[in-house]
Amino acid sequence: MNWNDVARQVIGLGAPFLGNALGGPLGGAAGRILAEALGAPAATPGGVSEVLPSANPEKILEAENRWIEMIRAEADAQRTAISETHQTIRAELISNDFVQRWWRPIYAFELTLECAALWAVVVHEFWTGDVQTINALVNAMALLIAYWGFRFGVLGVYVSGRTREKLCEVTGREADSGAVGKLVKAITRRK
């Protein structure tokens, strides 16, 4: 037995939000809330399904409301975090501080020059046949991959963030923030 089996029953008993959560990736968290509200012997699908047929409808409604409040609290926390992030972005946009406005483009140019310099060294060493330097570079490959993986990861976050900033400037609205943003918007519209 899994939470999907319990989800169908819970939806049928009038708790659609909780039931849908049980059938999704948050099934364990929703199951704990349901088990606690119903007084189930264990917060497992089997434990909940034992008490579900004889459960008081008010207890199921209580679990539904607790789940909705938990999601609403998460949505409020996400909204606050997004709002604070956008306040910071807006402050950066109107700031005249050179470092604050230019650190990211300088970082991107520096990383590009760093890559070009390494490739110039590699090409030169292959051209001249300097086996010792080539071996040193091969031995340092794991370190270089980790180092550049981190550096390019930071650059990717910058590019993504800058794209969202530009979209926000053009449209006057927050850019789509993915699945969590859609969940927050869906829940806050129901208020």
Foldseek 3Di string as FASTA:
>chain_A
DALLVVLVLLVVLPQNVLSVCCVDPNVLVLLVLLCVLQVFPDSGPVSNVVRSVVGDSVSSVVSSVVVLVVLLVVLVVVVVVVVVVVVVLVCLVPDPDPCSVCVLVVLVVVVVVVVVVVVVVVVVCVVVVVVVVVVVCVVCVVVVCVVVVVSVVVNVVVVVVVVQSVVCVVPVDGDQPPPSSVSSVVSVVVD
